[in-house]
Amino acid sequence: MFKLGEKQELVVVKKVEFGVYLAVSFEDAAEHILLPIKQVPAGTEVGDKLTVFVYRDSKDRMIATVNTPLLMMGTVAELTVSQTGKFGAFLNWGLEKDLFLPFKEQRGHVNPGDKVLVSLYIDKSSRLCATMNVYQNLRTDSSYQVGDRVRGRVYEISERFGAFVAVDNIYSALIPAKELFGKVEAGMDVDARVLRVKEDGKLDLSIREKATVQMDVDAEKILALLDSYEGALPFNDKVAPEVIKYETGMSKNEFKRAVGRLLKQGKIQIGEKTIRRVK
């Protein structure tokens, strides 16, 4: 049985002018696929075994190649969108025929030239297609530990859970909703810190620094915001949390801590409805 979307070792059962036919065994030679002549290694004879990747050609015929694509079943890879069409997008995966990414398997709008994180699946018509729902194919055996810095691609946002991230485009991770501040969108690459390694090997991340470091970062952000408002914010630390998050990307507690530090350093003054920078 041929394994669509995978590499497997097959035996040469027949040589023809335009290539060789491959089968699982001589006993199963009636069920065979073609390896085109330009792909056949020099000196190949009937009975030889070749490791090939099995996919479908432009006419949806099952075919073999000795080339290794950028993506195989059970893996995740970042592929470039070569073009878009009426029913979806087409991705360059290193083979002659581009890989189809249907609209229903996309997460957000994609354009030619975009790099998208995808996995393979077999659709109802037994064709290989791409999906941006990569959760099931991400690994959970990373060597990362608490406190390590990592980089990953956000592939899905959930209001309930947070931002799902593929660390190194390989490992399964989550930025919990309570750690999600600022502008984070699907398709974005983020730098983060490992908060915990769960029993199942999945990672919890934070895009915030440790509290003491983050306080300094937040304080500088407030000073920059003050400058953009010509030295005076039209609100203070008693304003609604939604306003603070919209203006700064911080939680109210983080904002108050940073404001407190700036006040202690004598860099700001807090009024009844304003925060002013001290020159």
Protein backbone atom coordinates (compact mmCIF):
# COMPACT_ATOMS: atom_id res chain seq x y z
CA MET A 1 0.00 0.00 0.00
CA PHE A 2 1.37 3.39 -0.97
CA LYS A 3 1.73 5.99 1.79
CA LEU A 4 0.58 9.28 0.37
CA GLY A 5 2.52 12.25 1.71
CA GLU A 6 5.33 10.10 3.13
CA LYS A 7 8.70 8.72 2.08
CA GLN A 8 8.82 4.95 1.71
CA GLU A 9 11.01 2.27 0.19
CA LEU A 10 9.57 0.72 -2.97
CA VAL A 11 10.89 -1.85 -5.40
CA VAL A 12 11.40 -1.35 -9.15
CA VAL A 13 9.08 -3.84 -10.89
CA LYS A 14 9.31 -2.61 -14.48
CA LYS A 15 11.44 -0.32 -16.66
CA VAL A 16 9.82 1.69 -19.45
CA GLU A 17 11.00 4.38 -21.83
CA PHE A 18 9.59 7.21 -19.69
CA GLY A 19 10.69 5.94 -16.24
CA VAL A 20 10.29 2.99 -13.90
CA TYR A 21 7.28 1.52 -12.16
CA LEU A 22 7.48 1.01 -8.42
CA ALA A 23 5.48 -1.27 -6.16
CA VAL A 24 5.47 -2.30 -2.52
CA SER A 25 6.66 -5.77 -3.62
CA PHE A 26 6.72 -7.99 -6.70
CA GLU A 27 3.65 -9.77 -5.34
CA ASP A 28 1.82 -6.43 -5.44
CA ALA A 29 3.23 -5.38 -8.81
CA ALA A 30 -0.27 -4.98 -10.28
CA GLU A 31 -0.58 -1.87 -8.10
CA HIS A 32 2.29 0.36 -9.17
CA ILE A 33 3.23 4.01 -9.56
CA LEU A 34 5.57 5.83 -11.90
CA LEU A 35 8.92 7.38 -11.10
CA PRO A 36 9.53 9.67 -14.14
CA ILE A 37 12.71 9.06 -16.12
CA LYS A 38 14.35 12.35 -15.06
CA GLN A 39 14.02 11.18 -11.44
CA VAL A 40 15.47 7.69 -11.94
CA PRO A 41 19.00 7.28 -10.50
CA ALA A 42 21.60 6.15 -13.04
CA GLY A 43 22.08 2.40 -13.20
CA THR A 44 18.68 1.55 -11.68
CA GLU A 45 17.52 -1.96 -12.55
CA VAL A 46 14.42 -4.09 -11.93
CA GLY A 47 14.56 -5.42 -8.37
CA ASP A 48 16.34 -2.37 -6.97
CA LYS A 49 14.80 -0.62 -4.00
CA LEU A 50 14.36 3.16 -4.00
CA THR A 51 13.26 5.54 -1.25
CA VAL A 52 10.72 7.95 -2.72
CA PHE A 53 8.07 10.46 -1.69
CA VAL A 54 4.56 9.66 -2.89
CA TYR A 55 2.16 12.42 -3.95
CA ARG A 56 -0.22 13.29 -6.81
CA ASP A 57 0.75 15.06 -10.03
CA SER A 58 -1.11 17.85 -11.87
CA LYS A 59 -3.58 15.27 -13.23
CA ASP A 60 -4.21 13.82 -9.74
CA ARG A 61 -2.34 10.62 -10.57
CA MET A 62 -0.33 9.04 -7.77
CA ILE A 63 3.36 9.48 -8.58
CA ALA A 64 6.79 9.12 -6.96
CA THR A 65 9.75 11.47 -6.64
CA VAL A 66 13.23 11.02 -5.22
CA ASN A 67 13.16 14.68 -4.14
CA THR A 68 12.33 15.52 -0.54
CA PRO A 69 9.57 18.13 -0.15
CA LEU A 70 9.63 20.82 2.51
CA LEU A 71 6.62 19.24 4.22
CA MET A 72 5.53 15.64 4.88
CA MET A 73 2.68 13.99 6.79
CA GLY A 74 2.95 14.49 10.54
CA THR A 75 5.30 17.47 10.32
CA VAL A 76 4.99 21.25 10.35
CA ALA A 77 6.79 23.65 8.02
CA GLU A 78 6.80 27.28 6.96
CA LEU A 79 5.95 27.54 3.26
CA THR A 80 5.71 30.50 0.89
CA VAL A 81 2.43 31.37 -0.86
CA SER A 82 3.14 31.30 -4.59
CA GLN A 83 -0.31 32.38 -5.71
CA THR A 84 -3.93 32.67 -4.63
CA GLY A 85 -7.04 31.53 -6.47
CA LYS A 86 -10.79 31.19 -6.34
CA PHE A 87 -10.82 28.35 -3.83
CA GLY A 88 -7.67 28.97 -1.82
CA ALA A 89 -3.92 29.49 -2.04
CA PHE A 90 -1.03 27.51 -3.52
CA LEU A 91 2.20 26.94 -1.62
CA ASN A 92 5.72 26.23 -2.82
CA TRP A 93 6.82 23.02 -1.10
CA GLY A 94 9.77 22.09 -3.29
CA LEU A 95 7.93 19.90 -5.84
CA GLU A 96 6.81 20.65 -9.40
CA LYS A 97 3.13 20.87 -8.41
CA ASP A 98 2.32 23.48 -5.74
CA LEU A 99 0.47 22.42 -2.59
CA PHE A 100 -3.15 23.56 -2.25
CA LEU A 101 -4.27 25.43 0.90
CA PRO A 102 -8.10 25.64 0.87
CA PHE A 103 -9.84 28.73 2.25
CA LYS A 104 -11.45 26.67 5.03
CA GLU A 105 -8.00 25.62 6.26
CA GLN A 106 -6.63 29.17 6.39
CA ARG A 107 -6.29 31.25 9.55
CA GLY A 108 -6.68 34.83 8.38
CA HIS A 109 -6.12 36.20 4.88
CA VAL A 110 -3.01 35.09 2.98
CA ASN A 111 -1.32 36.79 0.03
CA PRO A 112 1.36 35.81 -2.51
CA GLY A 113 4.78 36.00 -0.87
CA ASP A 114 3.43 35.37 2.65
CA LYS A 115 5.11 32.66 4.73
CA VAL A 116 2.56 30.41 6.41
CA LEU A 117 2.93 27.62 8.96
CA VAL A 118 1.15 24.49 7.75
CA SER A 119 0.72 20.72 8.07
CA LEU A 120 -0.41 18.13 5.52
CA TYR A 121 -3.70 16.26 5.41
CA ILE A 122 -5.55 14.08 2.91
CA ASP A 123 -8.89 15.50 1.80
CA LYS A 124 -12.09 13.63 0.90
CA SER A 125 -10.87 13.24 -2.69
CA SER A 126 -7.64 11.56 -1.48
CA ARG A 127 -5.53 14.58 -2.40
CA LEU A 128 -2.76 16.10 -0.33
CA CYS A 129 -3.65 19.55 0.97
CA ALA A 130 -2.23 22.01 3.48
CA THR A 131 -3.85 23.25 6.68
CA MET A 132 -2.87 26.08 9.01
CA ASN A 133 -4.38 24.09 11.90
CA VAL A 134 -1.03 22.65 12.98
CA TYR A 135 -1.83 21.87 16.66
CA GLN A 136 -1.93 18.08 16.29
CA ASN A 137 1.46 17.91 14.56
CA LEU A 138 3.50 20.05 16.95
CA ARG A 139 5.97 18.20 19.13
CA THR A 140 6.07 18.16 22.93
CA ASP A 141 9.64 16.93 23.48
CA SER A 142 11.56 20.21 23.56
CA SER A 143 14.58 20.63 25.84
CA TYR A 144 13.47 24.11 26.93
CA GLN A 145 13.27 24.86 30.65
CA VAL A 146 11.59 27.52 32.79
CA GLY A 147 13.18 30.91 32.16
CA ASP A 148 14.56 30.06 28.71
CA ARG A 149 14.03 32.58 25.92
CA VAL A 150 12.23 31.21 22.85
CA ARG A 151 10.89 32.45 19.53
CA GLY A 152 7.80 31.14 17.80
CA ARG A 153 4.96 31.76 15.37
CA VAL A 154 1.47 32.58 16.68
CA TYR A 155 -0.87 30.37 14.65
CA GLU A 156 -4.20 30.85 16.45
CA ILE A 157 -5.80 33.23 18.96
CA SER A 158 -8.43 32.08 21.47
CA GLU A 159 -10.24 34.55 23.72
CA ARG A 160 -10.61 31.78 26.30
CA PHE A 161 -7.14 30.22 26.26
CA GLY A 162 -4.78 32.82 24.78
CA ALA A 163 -2.37 32.65 21.85
CA PHE A 164 -1.24 29.28 20.50
CA VAL A 165 2.41 29.35 19.44
CA ALA A 166 4.67 27.01 17.48
CA VAL A 167 8.07 27.48 19.12
CA ASP A 168 10.84 27.13 16.53
CA ASN A 169 7.96 26.12 14.21
CA ILE A 170 8.19 22.72 15.92
CA TYR A 171 7.03 22.70 19.55
CA SER A 172 3.58 23.21 21.07
CA ALA A 173 3.19 26.27 23.31
CA LEU A 174 0.60 28.70 24.64
CA ILE A 175 0.68 32.28 25.83
CA PRO A 176 -2.14 32.11 28.42
CA ALA A 177 -4.84 34.79 28.12
CA LYS A 178 -3.69 36.47 31.36
CA GLU A 179 -0.19 36.88 29.87
CA LEU A 180 -1.49 38.30 26.60
CA PHE A 181 -0.90 42.04 26.38
CA GLY A 182 -0.24 44.37 23.51
CA LYS A 183 -0.90 43.60 19.86
CA VAL A 184 -0.59 39.86 19.24
CA GLU A 185 -2.08 38.39 16.05
CA ALA A 186 -2.09 35.09 14.20
CA GLY A 187 0.89 34.89 11.84
CA MET A 188 3.07 37.06 14.09
CA ASP A 189 6.48 35.93 15.34
CA VAL A 190 7.01 36.56 19.06
CA ASP A 191 9.92 36.45 21.47
CA ALA A 192 8.87 34.96 24.79
CA ARG A 193 9.99 33.47 28.09
CA VAL A 194 9.12 29.94 29.23
CA LEU A 195 6.85 30.21 32.29
CA ARG A 196 6.36 26.49 32.82
CA VAL A 197 6.81 23.12 31.17
CA LYS A 198 3.63 21.07 31.59
CA GLU A 199 3.56 17.35 32.36
CA ASP A 200 2.63 16.61 28.75
CA GLY A 201 5.65 18.60 27.52
CA LYS A 202 3.73 21.59 26.20
CA LEU A 203 5.11 25.02 27.08
CA ASP A 204 3.42 28.00 28.71
CA LEU A 205 4.99 31.29 27.64
CA SER A 206 5.00 34.94 28.59
CA ILE A 207 5.82 37.85 26.33
CA ARG A 208 6.35 39.96 29.46
CA GLU A 209 9.69 40.22 31.21
CA LYS A 210 10.18 39.29 34.87
CA ALA A 211 8.35 41.80 37.10
CA THR A 212 11.41 43.86 38.10
CA VAL A 213 12.69 44.12 34.54
CA GLN A 214 9.21 44.65 33.07
CA MET A 215 8.60 47.57 35.44
CA ASP A 216 11.51 49.47 33.90
CA VAL A 217 10.33 48.60 30.38
CA ASP A 218 6.80 49.77 31.20
CA ALA A 219 8.10 52.97 32.79
CA GLU A 220 10.00 53.84 29.61
CA LYS A 221 6.88 53.11 27.58
CA ILE A 222 4.86 55.54 29.75
CA LEU A 223 7.51 58.25 29.31
CA ALA A 224 7.39 57.76 25.54
CA LEU A 225 3.59 57.95 25.65
CA LEU A 226 3.81 61.16 27.68
CA ASP A 227 6.08 62.66 25.04
CA SER A 228 3.57 61.74 22.34
CA TYR A 229 0.92 63.62 24.35
CA GLU A 230 3.25 66.63 24.69
CA GLY A 231 4.06 65.82 28.31
CA ALA A 232 0.60 65.25 29.79
CA LEU A 233 -1.68 62.19 29.64
CA PRO A 234 -5.43 62.98 29.76
CA PHE A 235 -5.89 60.24 32.41
CA ASN A 236 -4.21 58.93 35.54
CA ASP A 237 -3.82 55.53 37.20
CA LYS A 238 -7.47 55.56 38.37
CA VAL A 239 -8.86 55.33 34.85
CA ALA A 240 -10.69 52.19 33.65
CA PRO A 241 -8.47 49.15 32.87
CA GLU A 242 -9.78 49.12 29.27
CA VAL A 243 -8.37 52.60 28.63
CA ILE A 244 -4.97 51.62 30.05
CA LYS A 245 -4.81 48.46 27.98
CA TYR A 246 -5.83 50.33 24.81
CA GLU A 247 -3.29 53.11 25.32
CA THR A 248 -0.36 51.11 26.71
CA GLY A 249 -0.97 47.38 26.26
CA MET A 250 -0.51 46.97 30.05
CA SER A 251 -2.80 45.68 32.73
CA LYS A 252 -3.96 48.22 35.31
CA ASN A 253 -1.65 46.73 37.97
CA GLU A 254 1.35 46.90 35.65
CA PHE A 255 0.51 50.49 34.76
CA LYS A 256 0.19 51.48 38.42
CA ARG A 257 3.51 49.81 39.31
CA ALA A 258 5.33 51.64 36.51
CA VAL A 259 3.66 54.95 37.38
CA GLY A 260 4.65 54.43 41.02
CA ARG A 261 8.27 53.91 40.00
CA LEU A 262 8.28 57.07 37.87
CA LEU A 263 6.65 59.03 40.69
CA LYS A 264 9.29 57.82 43.15
CA GLN A 265 12.01 58.82 40.69
CA GLY A 266 10.49 62.30 40.44
CA LYS A 267 9.88 61.98 36.69
CA ILE A 268 6.10 62.54 36.78
CA GLN A 269 3.36 64.28 38.73
CA ILE A 270 -0.14 62.83 39.15
CA GLY A 271 -3.11 65.16 39.05
CA GLU A 272 -6.81 64.53 39.59
CA LYS A 273 -7.28 63.55 35.94
CA THR A 274 -3.81 63.71 34.43
CA ILE A 275 -0.24 62.47 34.60
CA ARG A 276 2.39 65.08 33.71
CA ARG A 277 6.06 64.64 32.94
CA VAL A 278 8.46 66.61 35.13
CA LYS A 279 11.04 68.35 33.00
